[in-house]
Protein backbone atom coordinates (compact mmCIF):
# COMPACT_ATOMS: atom_id res chain seq x y z
CA MET A 1 0.00 0.00 0.00
CA SER A 2 1.22 3.48 -0.80
CA PRO A 3 0.80 6.06 1.96
CA ARG A 4 -2.51 7.93 1.73
CA LEU A 5 -3.15 11.39 3.08
CA SER A 6 -6.63 12.60 3.96
CA TYR A 7 -7.58 15.99 5.35
CA ASP A 8 -10.64 17.22 7.23
CA ARG A 9 -10.97 20.98 6.87
CA GLN A 10 -13.61 21.26 9.62
CA THR A 11 -11.32 19.79 12.28
CA ASP A 12 -8.06 20.89 10.58
CA ALA A 13 -6.77 17.35 10.98
CA ALA A 14 -4.62 15.36 8.56
CA TYR A 15 -4.43 11.57 8.61
CA LEU A 16 -1.59 9.73 6.92
CA ARG A 17 -2.19 6.00 6.55
CA PHE A 18 0.80 3.73 5.89
CA SER A 19 -0.80 0.28 6.16
CA GLU A 20 -4.17 -1.47 6.01
CA SER A 21 -3.43 -3.21 9.33
CA ALA A 22 -5.95 -2.71 12.12
CA VAL A 23 -5.16 -0.03 14.68
CA VAL A 24 -4.97 -1.50 18.19
CA GLU A 25 -3.27 1.33 20.07
CA SER A 26 -2.74 5.08 19.67
CA GLU A 27 -0.25 7.35 21.37
CA GLU A 28 0.14 11.12 21.32
CA VAL A 29 3.88 11.45 20.77
CA SER A 30 3.92 15.25 20.84
CA PRO A 31 1.16 17.84 21.19
CA GLY A 32 -1.22 17.32 18.29
CA VAL A 33 0.62 14.35 16.75
CA VAL A 34 -0.88 10.90 17.30
CA LEU A 35 0.64 7.63 16.06
CA ASP A 36 -1.51 4.54 15.52
CA TYR A 37 0.03 1.09 15.99
CA ASP A 38 -0.93 -2.41 14.89
CA ALA A 39 -0.85 -5.56 17.05
CA ASP A 40 2.89 -5.98 16.37
CA GLY A 41 3.72 -2.44 17.48
CA ARG A 42 4.33 -1.12 13.96
CA ILE A 43 3.18 2.40 13.06
CA VAL A 44 0.25 2.16 10.66
CA ALA A 45 -0.93 5.78 10.65
CA MET A 46 -0.30 9.30 11.91
CA GLU A 47 -2.86 11.98 12.77
CA ILE A 48 -1.78 15.60 12.80
CA LEU A 49 -4.01 18.18 14.49
CA LYS A 50 -3.82 21.87 13.53
CA ALA A 51 -2.52 20.54 10.24
CA THR A 52 -2.49 23.89 8.42
CA ASP A 53 0.09 25.11 10.95
CA ARG A 54 2.33 22.07 10.39
CA LEU A 55 1.98 20.91 6.78
CA PRO A 56 1.96 22.55 3.34
CA ARG A 57 -1.56 23.75 2.52
CA ASP A 58 -1.35 22.62 -1.11
CA ALA A 59 -0.76 19.03 0.02
CA LEU A 60 -3.65 19.20 2.51
CA PHE A 61 -6.18 20.68 0.13
CA ALA A 62 -5.21 18.21 -2.62
CA ALA A 63 -6.00 15.39 -0.13
CA GLU A 64 -9.58 16.58 0.59
């Protein structure tokens, strides 16, 4: 699977998915950055809050 970026303008949150594996645990690793892990402890996704402050807007709006 290629990484997929989605963006929710209402919540200003970006979600980058790396794998189709089920998420079994999430951890906020820094303020506004949450990593999702599978059963083997591998990172399968990342959520970024206040995304327009942290990521290029053109990438976010292309992902809507």
